[in-house]
Amino acid sequence: MAPENLDKAIDLIQAELKKYVSEPVSQQELADVQSNYIGRLPLSLESNSGVASALLTMERYELGLDYLQGYESMIKEITPESILEASQQYLDPDKLAISTAGPPI
């Protein structure tokens, strides 16, 4: 990124976060993301390292060995309203800390 665009980029990030906590995502946007998550799961399990990573994640977060069997239905249960509720609970754009690195302007 060009250093002269830093303030513009920060403003855009803040505006997008404020939008994210004030209005639900569109149903189409959610459907696209859900399809992506569901579709990439089998691909992530095609290698030994992918299987090992999935098992490690299930163990680390105590998801249970049947986690992958219910994965698709869990993803499909997510609604725009549940995303909005979670974002309002965990994100506060007014308390955003932004750190940048690079050459001075």
Protein backbone atom coordinates (compact mmCIF):
# COMPACT_ATOMS: atom_id res chain seq x y z
CA MET A 1 0.00 0.00 0.00
CA ALA A 2 1.17 3.50 -0.76
CA PRO A 3 1.89 5.44 2.45
CA GLU A 4 -0.13 8.41 1.21
CA ASN A 5 -3.25 6.20 1.24
CA LEU A 6 -2.88 5.15 4.89
CA ASP A 7 -5.50 7.51 6.32
CA LYS A 8 -7.94 6.59 3.55
CA ALA A 9 -7.42 2.87 4.23
CA ILE A 10 -7.96 3.35 7.99
CA ASP A 11 -11.14 5.34 7.34
CA LEU A 12 -12.45 2.59 5.06
CA ILE A 13 -11.71 -0.10 7.66
CA GLN A 14 -13.48 1.86 10.37
CA ALA A 15 -16.49 2.53 8.13
CA GLU A 16 -16.76 -1.15 7.20
CA LEU A 17 -16.59 -2.23 10.85
CA LYS A 18 -19.27 0.29 11.82
CA LYS A 19 -21.47 -1.07 9.05
CA TYR A 20 -20.77 -4.64 10.19
CA VAL A 21 -22.04 -3.95 13.72
CA SER A 22 -25.05 -1.90 12.64
CA GLU A 23 -26.69 -3.94 9.87
CA PRO A 24 -26.92 -7.63 9.01
CA VAL A 25 -24.95 -9.12 6.14
CA SER A 26 -26.99 -9.87 3.04
CA GLN A 27 -28.46 -13.32 2.61
CA GLN A 28 -26.52 -13.71 -0.66
CA GLU A 29 -23.22 -12.79 0.97
CA LEU A 30 -23.87 -15.27 3.76
CA ALA A 31 -24.86 -18.01 1.29
CA ASP A 32 -21.64 -17.44 -0.68
CA VAL A 33 -19.48 -17.72 2.43
CA GLN A 34 -21.37 -20.77 3.70
CA SER A 35 -20.87 -22.50 0.33
CA ASN A 36 -17.18 -21.66 0.44
CA TYR A 37 -16.71 -23.10 3.94
CA ILE A 38 -18.70 -26.24 3.18
CA GLY A 39 -17.04 -26.75 -0.20
CA ARG A 40 -13.48 -26.38 0.99
CA LEU A 41 -13.79 -28.84 3.88
CA PRO A 42 -13.34 -31.98 1.75
CA LEU A 43 -10.38 -30.36 0.00
CA SER A 44 -8.73 -29.66 3.33
CA LEU A 45 -8.90 -33.36 4.20
CA GLU A 46 -7.24 -34.65 1.02
CA SER A 47 -3.77 -34.81 2.54
CA ASN A 48 -2.35 -36.43 5.64
CA SER A 49 -1.38 -33.01 6.97
CA GLY A 50 -4.94 -31.75 6.41
CA VAL A 51 -6.40 -34.67 8.35
CA ALA A 52 -3.84 -34.19 11.11
CA SER A 53 -4.65 -30.48 11.28
CA ALA A 54 -8.39 -31.21 11.52
CA LEU A 55 -7.83 -33.74 14.30
CA LEU A 56 -5.58 -31.31 16.17
CA THR A 57 -8.20 -28.57 15.91
CA MET A 58 -10.97 -30.88 17.10
CA GLU A 59 -8.86 -31.96 20.06
CA ARG A 60 -7.58 -28.48 20.93
CA TYR A 61 -11.05 -26.94 21.00
CA GLU A 62 -12.76 -30.05 22.41
CA LEU A 63 -15.12 -30.25 19.44
CA GLY A 64 -15.54 -34.02 19.59
CA LEU A 65 -14.66 -36.61 17.01
CA ASP A 66 -18.08 -36.25 15.36
CA TYR A 67 -17.51 -32.55 14.67
CA LEU A 68 -16.98 -32.99 10.94
CA GLN A 69 -20.21 -34.97 10.60
CA GLY A 70 -22.26 -32.01 11.80
CA TYR A 71 -20.09 -29.32 10.23
CA GLU A 72 -22.33 -28.60 7.23
CA SER A 73 -25.49 -28.27 9.29
CA MET A 74 -23.72 -26.00 11.81
CA ILE A 75 -22.56 -23.72 9.01
CA LYS A 76 -26.05 -23.64 7.47
CA GLU A 77 -27.60 -22.69 10.84
CA ILE A 78 -25.75 -19.36 10.86
CA THR A 79 -28.05 -16.44 10.07
CA PRO A 80 -27.44 -12.78 9.26
CA GLU A 81 -29.04 -11.96 12.61
CA SER A 82 -26.68 -14.27 14.54
CA ILE A 83 -23.69 -12.69 12.81
CA LEU A 84 -24.95 -9.21 13.69
CA GLU A 85 -25.52 -10.22 17.31
CA ALA A 86 -22.03 -11.71 17.62
CA SER A 87 -20.39 -8.73 15.96
CA GLN A 88 -22.19 -6.34 18.29
CA GLN A 89 -21.09 -8.41 21.27
CA TYR A 90 -17.41 -8.69 20.32
CA LEU A 91 -16.57 -5.72 18.09
CA ASP A 92 -16.47 -2.06 19.06
CA PRO A 93 -15.25 0.12 16.18
CA ASP A 94 -14.81 3.04 18.57
CA LYS A 95 -12.21 1.09 20.54
CA LEU A 96 -10.28 -0.11 17.52
CA ALA A 97 -6.51 -0.13 17.88
CA ILE A 98 -4.72 0.20 14.56
CA SER A 99 -1.03 -0.40 14.14
CA THR A 100 0.87 0.27 10.96
CA ALA A 101 4.40 -0.25 9.79
CA GLY A 102 6.28 1.13 6.88
CA PRO A 103 8.07 4.22 5.69
CA PRO A 104 6.89 7.54 7.09
CA ILE A 105 4.67 9.67 4.89
